[in-house]
Each structure stands twice: as structure tokens, then as C-alpha cells.
Protein backbone atom coordinates (compact mmCIF):
# COMPACT_ATOMS: atom_id res chain seq x y z
CA MET A 1 25.49 -4.50 -2.55
CA ASN A 2 27.07 -3.35 0.71
CA LEU A 3 24.81 -1.20 2.87
CA ASN A 4 25.87 1.17 5.65
CA LEU A 5 23.12 0.46 8.18
CA LYS A 6 23.57 3.60 10.26
CA ASN A 7 23.38 5.88 7.23
CA LEU A 8 20.49 3.93 5.72
CA ILE A 9 18.40 4.13 8.89
CA THR A 10 19.19 7.82 9.26
CA PHE A 11 18.21 8.59 5.67
CA TRP A 12 14.69 7.16 6.01
CA ASP A 13 13.98 7.49 9.74
CA ASP A 14 15.72 10.75 10.66
CA PRO A 15 16.82 12.54 7.47
CA ILE A 16 18.96 15.64 7.58
CA ARG A 17 17.30 18.79 6.31
CA GLY A 18 16.84 18.68 2.57
CA ASP A 19 17.42 14.95 2.14
CA ASN A 20 13.77 14.09 2.73
CA ARG A 21 12.92 15.43 -0.73
CA HIS A 22 15.12 12.69 -2.23
CA SER A 23 13.36 9.88 -0.37
CA SER A 24 10.90 8.95 -3.12
CA ALA A 25 13.62 8.91 -5.78
CA ILE A 26 15.92 6.67 -3.72
CA THR A 27 12.98 4.42 -2.86
CA GLY A 28 12.26 4.01 -6.57
CA VAL A 29 15.81 2.75 -7.12
CA ILE A 30 16.32 0.36 -4.20
CA GLY A 31 13.13 0.23 -2.10
CA GLU A 32 11.39 -3.00 -3.11
CA ASP A 33 14.63 -4.94 -3.59
CA LEU A 34 15.94 -3.76 -0.23
CA ASN A 35 12.83 -4.60 1.77
CA ALA A 36 12.35 -8.06 0.26
CA ALA A 37 16.04 -8.91 0.69
CA ALA A 38 15.94 -7.72 4.32
CA PHE A 39 13.09 -10.14 5.10
CA ALA A 40 14.95 -12.98 3.40
CA HIS A 41 18.08 -12.17 5.41
CA TYR A 42 16.07 -12.15 8.64
CA LEU A 43 14.77 -15.67 8.01
CA GLU A 44 18.07 -17.05 6.73
CA LYS A 45 20.08 -15.57 9.58
CA ALA A 46 18.89 -18.20 12.07
CA GLY A 47 19.93 -20.96 9.66
CA LYS A 48 16.52 -22.61 9.73
CA TRP A 49 14.96 -21.43 6.46
CA GLU A 50 15.87 -21.50 2.80
CA VAL A 51 14.43 -18.41 1.11
CA SER A 52 13.85 -17.55 -2.53
CA VAL A 53 12.59 -14.12 -3.64
CA SER A 54 10.83 -13.85 -6.99
CA ALA A 55 10.52 -10.57 -8.84
CA ASP A 56 7.24 -11.76 -10.38
CA SER A 57 4.22 -9.81 -9.19
CA PRO A 58 1.46 -11.82 -7.48
CA THR A 59 -1.80 -11.22 -9.36
CA LEU A 60 -5.39 -12.37 -9.21
CA GLY A 61 -4.78 -14.30 -12.43
CA LYS A 62 -6.50 -11.66 -14.53
CA ARG A 63 -5.24 -8.98 -16.90
CA SER A 64 -6.53 -6.26 -14.61
CA GLY A 65 -7.06 -5.87 -10.88
CA LYS A 66 -4.96 -5.68 -7.77
CA ARG A 67 -1.39 -6.95 -7.80
CA LEU A 68 1.32 -7.25 -5.15
CA ASP A 69 5.09 -6.81 -5.21
CA ARG A 70 6.81 -10.15 -4.61
CA TRP A 71 6.45 -13.87 -4.09
CA ILE A 72 8.77 -15.08 -1.31
CA HIS A 73 9.13 -18.86 -0.97
CA THR A 74 10.49 -20.36 2.25
CA LYS A 75 11.37 -23.93 3.18
CA ASN A 76 12.25 -25.24 6.64
CA LYS A 77 15.54 -27.13 6.41
CA ASP A 78 14.60 -29.49 9.24
CA THR A 79 10.94 -30.28 8.62
CA GLY A 80 10.55 -29.52 4.93
CA GLU A 81 7.62 -27.20 5.73
CA GLN A 82 7.03 -24.66 2.96
CA ILE A 83 5.34 -21.28 3.02
CA LEU A 84 4.77 -19.06 0.02
CA TYR A 85 4.32 -15.43 1.05
CA GLN A 86 2.33 -13.13 -1.19
CA CYS A 87 4.02 -9.88 -0.31
CA GLU A 88 3.12 -6.20 -0.43
CA ILE A 89 5.99 -3.77 0.24
CA LYS A 90 5.56 -0.27 1.65
CA ASN A 91 8.70 1.83 1.99
CA TRP A 92 6.94 4.59 3.93
CA ALA A 93 9.33 6.53 6.13
CA ALA A 94 9.66 9.64 8.30
CA SER A 95 9.44 11.89 5.24
CA ALA A 96 6.04 10.47 4.27
CA ILE A 97 2.75 12.08 5.27
CA GLY A 98 2.15 11.17 8.91
CA GLY A 99 5.74 10.06 9.35
CA ARG A 100 7.54 10.30 12.69
CA ARG A 101 11.28 10.75 13.17
CA LEU A 102 13.20 8.08 15.07
CA PRO A 103 16.97 8.67 15.44
CA VAL A 104 19.41 5.77 15.22
CA VAL A 105 20.37 6.36 18.84
CA CYS A 106 17.21 6.61 20.94
CA ASN A 107 15.70 5.36 24.19
CA GLU A 108 12.94 2.77 24.67
CA ASP A 109 10.29 5.43 25.14
CA GLU A 110 11.07 6.99 21.75
CA VAL A 111 11.03 3.56 20.11
CA MET A 112 7.63 2.65 21.52
CA LYS A 113 6.10 6.04 20.70
CA ALA A 114 7.16 5.58 17.07
CA ALA A 115 5.97 1.96 16.94
CA VAL A 116 2.57 2.83 18.42
CA HIS A 117 2.24 5.90 16.19
CA TYR A 118 2.76 3.87 13.02
CA TRP A 119 0.67 0.89 14.14
CA HIS A 120 -2.32 2.98 15.16
CA GLY A 121 -1.93 4.98 11.96
CA GLN A 122 -2.09 1.82 9.86
CA LEU A 123 -5.11 0.51 11.73
CA LYS A 124 -6.97 3.77 11.21
CA ASP A 125 -5.87 4.73 7.70
CA SER A 126 -5.44 1.33 6.02
CA PHE A 127 -7.40 -1.38 7.81
CA GLN A 128 -10.39 0.36 9.36
CA THR A 129 -11.25 2.69 6.50
CA ALA A 130 -14.31 2.13 4.32
CA ASN A 131 -12.22 2.09 1.14
CA GLN A 132 -11.48 -1.62 0.78
CA PRO A 133 -9.45 -3.31 -0.53
CA ASN A 134 -6.84 -0.54 -0.71
CA GLY A 135 -3.11 -0.38 -1.38
CA VAL A 136 -2.36 -2.17 1.89
CA THR A 137 -5.26 -4.54 2.50
CA LYS A 138 -5.08 -5.93 -1.04
CA VAL A 139 -2.45 -8.25 0.47
CA LEU A 140 -5.41 -10.19 1.95
CA LEU A 141 -6.83 -10.99 -1.48
CA PRO A 142 -5.86 -14.57 -2.48
CA MET A 143 -3.46 -14.31 -5.41
CA ARG A 144 -2.98 -16.99 -8.04
CA SER A 145 0.13 -18.94 -7.04
CA PRO A 146 2.88 -19.85 -9.52
CA GLU A 147 2.40 -23.34 -10.97
CA GLN A 148 5.48 -24.78 -9.24
CA TYR A 149 4.07 -23.78 -5.84
CA CYS A 150 0.42 -24.72 -6.40
CA GLN A 151 0.49 -27.18 -3.45
CA VAL A 152 2.31 -24.82 -1.05
CA ARG A 153 0.45 -22.94 1.70
CA ILE A 154 0.15 -19.23 0.95
CA GLU A 155 0.28 -16.56 3.64
CA PRO A 156 -0.06 -12.77 3.29
CA LEU A 157 2.95 -10.65 4.23
CA LEU A 158 3.25 -6.89 4.62
CA ILE A 159 6.80 -5.56 4.60
CA TYR A 160 7.15 -2.00 5.88
CA TRP A 161 10.29 0.05 6.08
CA MET A 162 8.90 2.12 8.96
CA PRO A 163 9.45 1.04 12.60
CA VAL A 164 5.97 -0.38 13.12
CA SER A 165 4.94 -2.88 15.80
CA ASN A 166 1.93 -3.89 17.89
CA SER A 167 4.21 -4.89 20.78
CA GLY A 168 3.60 -3.32 24.16
CA ASN A 169 7.20 -3.56 25.35
CA GLY A 170 10.28 -1.47 24.69
CA ASN A 171 11.98 -4.05 22.47
CA PRO A 172 9.55 -4.75 19.62
CA GLU A 173 10.21 -7.69 17.32
CA PRO A 174 10.72 -6.88 13.62
CA PHE A 175 8.49 -9.81 12.58
CA PHE A 176 5.06 -10.31 14.10
CA ARG A 177 1.73 -11.93 13.22
CA VAL A 178 -1.74 -10.48 13.74
CA PRO A 179 -5.08 -12.31 13.56
CA VAL A 180 -6.99 -10.76 10.67
CA LYS A 181 -10.15 -10.56 12.81
CA GLU A 182 -8.31 -8.16 15.16
CA LEU A 183 -7.52 -5.61 12.44
CA GLY A 184 -10.99 -4.06 12.52
CA LEU A 185 -11.65 -4.49 8.80
CA PRO A 186 -15.15 -3.49 7.69
CA ASP A 187 -17.64 -6.33 7.17
CA THR A 188 -18.04 -5.34 3.53
CA PHE A 189 -14.48 -6.47 2.76
CA VAL A 190 -14.52 -10.21 2.09
CA HIS A 191 -11.22 -11.61 3.36
CA GLU A 192 -11.98 -15.10 4.69
CA SER A 193 -9.08 -16.73 2.84
CA PHE A 194 -6.52 -15.84 5.53
CA GLU A 195 -6.70 -15.92 9.33
CA ILE A 196 -3.25 -14.43 10.00
CA LEU A 197 -1.43 -11.41 8.57
CA ASN A 198 2.39 -11.45 8.76
CA ILE A 199 4.09 -8.07 9.22
CA PHE A 200 7.80 -7.26 9.01
CA SER A 201 9.56 -3.98 9.87
CA VAL A 202 12.85 -3.48 8.05
CA SER A 203 13.77 -0.48 10.20
CA PHE A 204 13.47 -2.51 13.39
CA TYR A 205 15.44 -5.40 11.92
CA PHE A 206 18.30 -3.17 10.76
CA ARG A 207 18.34 -1.46 14.15
CA GLU A 208 18.57 -4.90 15.76
CA LEU A 209 21.55 -5.77 13.55
CA LEU A 210 23.23 -2.46 14.29
CA LYS A 211 22.90 -3.02 18.04
CA SER A 212 24.49 -6.46 17.64
CA GLY A 213 27.59 -4.91 16.06
CA VAL A 214 26.75 -5.27 12.35
CA ASP A 215 27.66 -1.99 10.67
CA THR A 216 27.66 -3.11 7.03
CA LEU A 217 25.26 -5.56 5.47
CA SER A 218 25.66 -7.23 2.08
CA LEU A 219 22.42 -7.99 0.24
CA SER A 220 21.57 -9.05 -3.29
CA LEU A 221 19.63 -6.21 -4.92
CA PRO A 222 19.58 -7.13 -8.64
CA ASN A 223 17.12 -4.50 -9.83
CA ALA A 224 18.82 -1.75 -7.83
CA GLU A 225 22.25 -2.76 -9.13
CA ARG A 226 21.03 -2.59 -12.74
CA ARG A 227 19.40 0.81 -12.21
CA ILE A 228 22.57 2.22 -10.70
CA GLN A 229 24.60 0.79 -13.57
CA VAL A 230 22.29 2.43 -16.10
CA LEU A 231 22.58 5.74 -14.25
CA GLU A 232 26.37 5.46 -14.22
CA ASP A 233 26.37 4.75 -17.96
CA ILE A 234 24.20 7.77 -18.62
CA LEU A 235 26.40 10.06 -16.53
CA ALA A 236 29.71 8.70 -17.82
């Protein structure tokens, strides 16, 4: 699917009046596909990684309990190193509770205020709350890996739409890693399986592409394409 980056960023980060009420519906159609594909594109863009996104949900290996959104397998073309990311996707945007608008065209000060706002919000509301594990921190629970990847190192990955970063400069990176011990998680939450949490901001990555002159981006969004096709069939 071809995506207009300027319009996409505007819709979720700085929606025109009235469009914010459609955010959840649009997210239901394309959100998870879009965010996972954006991360894959980010890694593949440098030409160093081969990336495969699975639609299978990572689970604890039980019928009930916490589950995540995607497995994302990566392989370094030069070294053969493999990483299997157990991924949780959050398409929270400006229209969400606690959201902050960030126009497509903005200065460094606006960017950093938004990044700090979202990062501090996540630390307070997701990581440092007594309710653990929750919808975000469940990514730190070791999931049962698919049989074909049972020997591959697993790392937790949070993919956010929102422009979140822990960077202190005016040009935050879309992909950053945080030591789990620095997240301020309560001692009652057992999370010793992972030392590092990977975090990716789709908004920041798309803004980076837009600044580099990329106006339209083509991504494979199989679930979204099928949903749109079904909708077209119903309305025909």
C-alpha cells in the first residue's frame, strides 16, 4: 500500500477538528500492520538486515494469559547474527488521553517537548505504576518462541506510533534502547529475563523520511489490505 507520509502524520499527530474521533477506527484497520512494517522498513533501509514479520501472536505458551502483537525476526546479512523480537504495538496518538499535538512542520523545541511529554508519561503511567505487568510492560514477560527460532536470541520491543524518545537533544532517534533497570519498575514485578528494552517511534521515523524527501512510502500491509477489500465489497 502507498502511504502519504504528510497526511498520515497529520492524521495521528495533529488531526483536524473532527477527525480525531475516527482515530480508533482507522487504527483498527491499519494500525498494527503499519507499525510493524515501519520498523521492518527502518531496519531494511540501511541494507544490513533481513526482516520477517509474523502475524502470529507471541504467547506464554498457555491457553490464557498475556499475549503480544507480533514476532519480528531479523538476520544480519554480514555476520549472520539473528534477533527475534517479541513485539508489543501501541498506536497511541494525539487524540488519545494524555496525547500532545505535534505538527508536521515544527521546531526542535516543539519536538523535544512532545518527546519528553510522552516518555515521562510512559514512565509514570506504564512502567512505574503498581499494576504490573500491564498492557505495556507485558512485553518484558518471556514469551514462548516459535519452534523454528528456538535457538535465536529473543529481545523485547515496544513499537509506539507517538513521537516518544528519551533523547536529550533536538533530533531524537526513532529507535533507542533502555536498560530495564532504569525504567523504575516496582520490585514486585519479576522481569529478570531481559536487561534491555528496545523502543521504536513510528512517528519519528516517518518524520525523518519526510525530511529526507520521501513523500510516499510503499509498505506491505496484508491485514489492512484485506480489511479494506472487505469494506469495498460491502459498500459496492
